[in-house]
């Protein structure tokens, strides 16, 4: 069975609408693919600066959702 957006999107929307609780899980890749985190940031960076530097080497590959 091929799982595609077209074949399952209405099922996903329905499950989200009927759920009492929705858990979302993000699997992030790229953390180890780029430069070392300590090479990109330092102890003097603000949270905003750290985020800006790290988002360049980080990307979401998998996003999961569980409806309860």
N, C-alpha and C. Protein backbone atom coordinates (compact mmCIF):
# COMPACT_ATOMS: atom_id res chain seq x y z
N UNK A 1 0.84 -1.18 0.00
CA UNK A 1 0.00 0.00 0.00
C UNK A 1 0.88 1.24 0.00
N UNK A 2 0.63 2.11 -0.92
CA UNK A 2 1.40 3.36 -0.99
C UNK A 2 0.73 4.41 -0.11
N UNK A 3 1.52 4.98 0.79
CA UNK A 3 1.01 6.02 1.67
C UNK A 3 1.39 7.37 1.07
N UNK A 4 0.38 8.14 0.71
CA UNK A 4 0.61 9.45 0.12
C UNK A 4 -0.22 10.49 0.84
N UNK A 5 0.11 11.74 0.63
CA UNK A 5 -0.65 12.84 1.22
C UNK A 5 -2.11 12.77 0.77
N UNK A 6 -2.29 12.51 -0.50
CA UNK A 6 -3.64 12.51 -1.06
C UNK A 6 -4.49 11.38 -0.46
N UNK A 7 -3.89 10.21 -0.27
CA UNK A 7 -4.67 9.07 0.20
C UNK A 7 -4.96 9.09 1.70
N UNK A 8 -4.21 9.86 2.49
CA UNK A 8 -4.37 9.80 3.94
C UNK A 8 -4.62 11.13 4.63
N UNK A 9 -4.60 12.22 3.93
CA UNK A 9 -4.73 13.52 4.57
C UNK A 9 -6.06 13.68 5.30
N UNK A 10 -7.14 13.23 4.70
CA UNK A 10 -8.45 13.36 5.36
C UNK A 10 -8.50 12.50 6.63
N UNK A 11 -7.86 11.35 6.63
CA UNK A 11 -7.81 10.50 7.82
C UNK A 11 -7.03 11.18 8.93
N UNK A 12 -5.93 11.82 8.59
CA UNK A 12 -5.11 12.53 9.58
C UNK A 12 -5.90 13.69 10.17
N UNK A 13 -6.55 14.49 9.33
CA UNK A 13 -7.36 15.61 9.82
C UNK A 13 -8.46 15.13 10.76
N UNK A 14 -9.12 14.06 10.39
CA UNK A 14 -10.20 13.52 11.21
C UNK A 14 -9.68 13.04 12.57
N UNK A 15 -8.56 12.35 12.58
CA UNK A 15 -7.98 11.86 13.84
C UNK A 15 -7.59 13.02 14.75
N UNK A 16 -7.04 14.09 14.19
CA UNK A 16 -6.65 15.26 14.98
C UNK A 16 -7.89 15.94 15.57
N UNK A 17 -8.93 16.08 14.76
CA UNK A 17 -10.15 16.74 15.23
C UNK A 17 -10.83 15.96 16.36
N UNK A 18 -10.76 14.63 16.31
CA UNK A 18 -11.42 13.79 17.30
C UNK A 18 -10.57 13.55 18.54
N UNK A 19 -9.31 13.89 18.50
CA UNK A 19 -8.40 13.58 19.61
C UNK A 19 -8.63 14.50 20.80
N UNK A 20 -8.46 13.92 21.99
CA UNK A 20 -8.46 14.72 23.22
C UNK A 20 -7.06 15.25 23.49
N UNK A 21 -6.07 14.53 22.99
CA UNK A 21 -4.68 14.89 23.23
C UNK A 21 -3.88 14.56 21.98
N UNK A 22 -2.96 15.44 21.61
CA UNK A 22 -2.12 15.24 20.43
C UNK A 22 -0.66 15.35 20.85
N UNK A 23 0.10 14.30 20.61
CA UNK A 23 1.54 14.31 20.91
C UNK A 23 2.29 14.44 19.59
N UNK A 24 3.26 15.35 19.57
CA UNK A 24 4.06 15.56 18.36
C UNK A 24 5.51 15.26 18.68
N UNK A 25 6.15 14.52 17.79
CA UNK A 25 7.54 14.11 17.97
C UNK A 25 8.33 14.55 16.75
N UNK A 26 9.39 15.30 16.97
CA UNK A 26 10.26 15.72 15.87
C UNK A 26 11.60 15.02 15.96
N UNK A 27 12.00 14.40 14.88
CA UNK A 27 13.33 13.78 14.80
C UNK A 27 14.21 14.73 14.01
N UNK A 28 15.20 15.30 14.67
CA UNK A 28 16.03 16.31 14.06
C UNK A 28 17.34 15.71 13.55
N UNK A 29 17.67 16.03 12.34
CA UNK A 29 18.91 15.58 11.74
C UNK A 29 19.77 16.81 11.48
N UNK A 30 21.02 16.59 11.30
CA UNK A 30 21.90 17.70 10.97
C UNK A 30 22.74 18.16 12.14
N UNK A 31 22.36 17.76 13.36
CA UNK A 31 23.12 18.19 14.52
C UNK A 31 24.56 17.69 14.42
N UNK A 32 24.73 16.45 13.97
CA UNK A 32 26.08 15.92 13.85
C UNK A 32 26.63 16.02 12.43
N UNK A 33 25.82 16.50 11.49
CA UNK A 33 26.28 16.62 10.11
C UNK A 33 27.09 17.88 9.86
N UNK A 34 26.88 18.88 10.69
CA UNK A 34 27.57 20.15 10.50
C UNK A 34 28.73 20.28 11.47
N UNK A 35 29.18 21.49 11.65
CA UNK A 35 30.27 21.74 12.60
C UNK A 35 29.85 21.38 14.02
N UNK A 36 30.82 21.13 14.85
CA UNK A 36 30.58 20.84 16.25
C UNK A 36 29.81 22.00 16.88
N UNK A 37 28.84 21.69 17.75
CA UNK A 37 28.03 22.73 18.39
C UNK A 37 28.90 23.73 19.13
N UNK A 38 29.92 23.24 19.82
CA UNK A 38 30.79 24.15 20.57
C UNK A 38 31.62 25.04 19.64
N UNK A 39 31.83 24.60 18.40
CA UNK A 39 32.56 25.44 17.45
C UNK A 39 31.66 26.55 16.91
N UNK A 40 30.35 26.32 16.92
CA UNK A 40 29.41 27.32 16.41
C UNK A 40 29.01 28.35 17.46
N UNK A 41 28.97 27.93 18.70
CA UNK A 41 28.46 28.81 19.75
C UNK A 41 29.51 28.99 20.84
N UNK A 42 29.25 29.96 21.68
CA UNK A 42 30.11 30.15 22.85
C UNK A 42 29.24 30.54 24.04
N UNK A 43 29.82 30.58 25.20
CA UNK A 43 29.08 30.87 26.41
C UNK A 43 28.51 32.27 26.49
N UNK A 44 28.94 33.15 25.60
CA UNK A 44 28.45 34.53 25.62
C UNK A 44 27.27 34.75 24.69
N UNK A 45 26.92 33.75 23.88
CA UNK A 45 25.78 33.88 22.97
C UNK A 45 24.47 34.00 23.74
N UNK A 46 23.61 34.85 23.25
CA UNK A 46 22.25 34.90 23.80
C UNK A 46 21.49 33.69 23.25
N UNK A 47 20.37 33.33 23.84
CA UNK A 47 19.59 32.22 23.29
C UNK A 47 19.22 32.45 21.82
N UNK A 48 18.92 33.69 21.47
CA UNK A 48 18.56 34.00 20.08
C UNK A 48 19.74 33.78 19.13
N UNK A 49 20.94 34.19 19.56
CA UNK A 49 22.13 34.00 18.72
C UNK A 49 22.44 32.51 18.56
N UNK A 50 22.32 31.77 19.65
CA UNK A 50 22.58 30.32 19.59
C UNK A 50 21.59 29.65 18.64
N UNK A 51 20.32 30.01 18.76
CA UNK A 51 19.29 29.45 17.88
C UNK A 51 19.60 29.75 16.42
N UNK A 52 19.93 30.99 16.12
CA UNK A 52 20.23 31.40 14.74
C UNK A 52 21.39 30.60 14.17
N UNK A 53 22.43 30.41 14.96
CA UNK A 53 23.60 29.65 14.48
C UNK A 53 23.27 28.18 14.28
N UNK A 54 22.53 27.58 15.22
CA UNK A 54 22.26 26.15 15.15
C UNK A 54 21.19 25.78 14.13
N UNK A 55 20.26 26.68 13.84
CA UNK A 55 19.20 26.33 12.89
C UNK A 55 19.75 26.15 11.48
N UNK A 56 20.91 26.72 11.20
CA UNK A 56 21.50 26.59 9.88
C UNK A 56 21.97 25.16 9.60
N UNK A 57 22.32 24.40 10.65
CA UNK A 57 22.82 23.04 10.45
C UNK A 57 21.83 22.00 10.95
N UNK A 58 20.61 22.40 11.22
CA UNK A 58 19.62 21.51 11.77
C UNK A 58 18.38 21.53 10.89
N UNK A 59 17.80 20.38 10.65
CA UNK A 59 16.57 20.34 9.87
C UNK A 59 15.72 19.16 10.35
N UNK A 60 14.41 19.29 10.20
CA UNK A 60 13.51 18.22 10.60
C UNK A 60 13.37 17.25 9.44
N UNK A 61 13.64 15.99 9.70
CA UNK A 61 13.44 14.96 8.67
C UNK A 61 12.14 14.20 8.89
N UNK A 62 11.80 13.97 10.16
CA UNK A 62 10.62 13.19 10.47
C UNK A 62 9.79 13.94 11.50
N UNK A 63 8.51 14.05 11.25
CA UNK A 63 7.59 14.64 12.20
C UNK A 63 6.47 13.64 12.43
N UNK A 64 6.35 13.18 13.66
CA UNK A 64 5.33 12.19 13.99
C UNK A 64 4.25 12.80 14.86
N UNK A 65 3.05 12.28 14.75
CA UNK A 65 1.95 12.73 15.58
C UNK A 65 1.16 11.52 16.06
N UNK A 66 0.81 11.54 17.34
CA UNK A 66 -0.01 10.48 17.92
C UNK A 66 -1.26 11.12 18.50
N UNK A 67 -2.40 10.62 18.10
CA UNK A 67 -3.69 11.16 18.56
C UNK A 67 -4.27 10.24 19.62
N UNK A 68 -4.65 10.83 20.75
CA UNK A 68 -5.24 10.05 21.84
C UNK A 68 -6.60 10.59 22.17
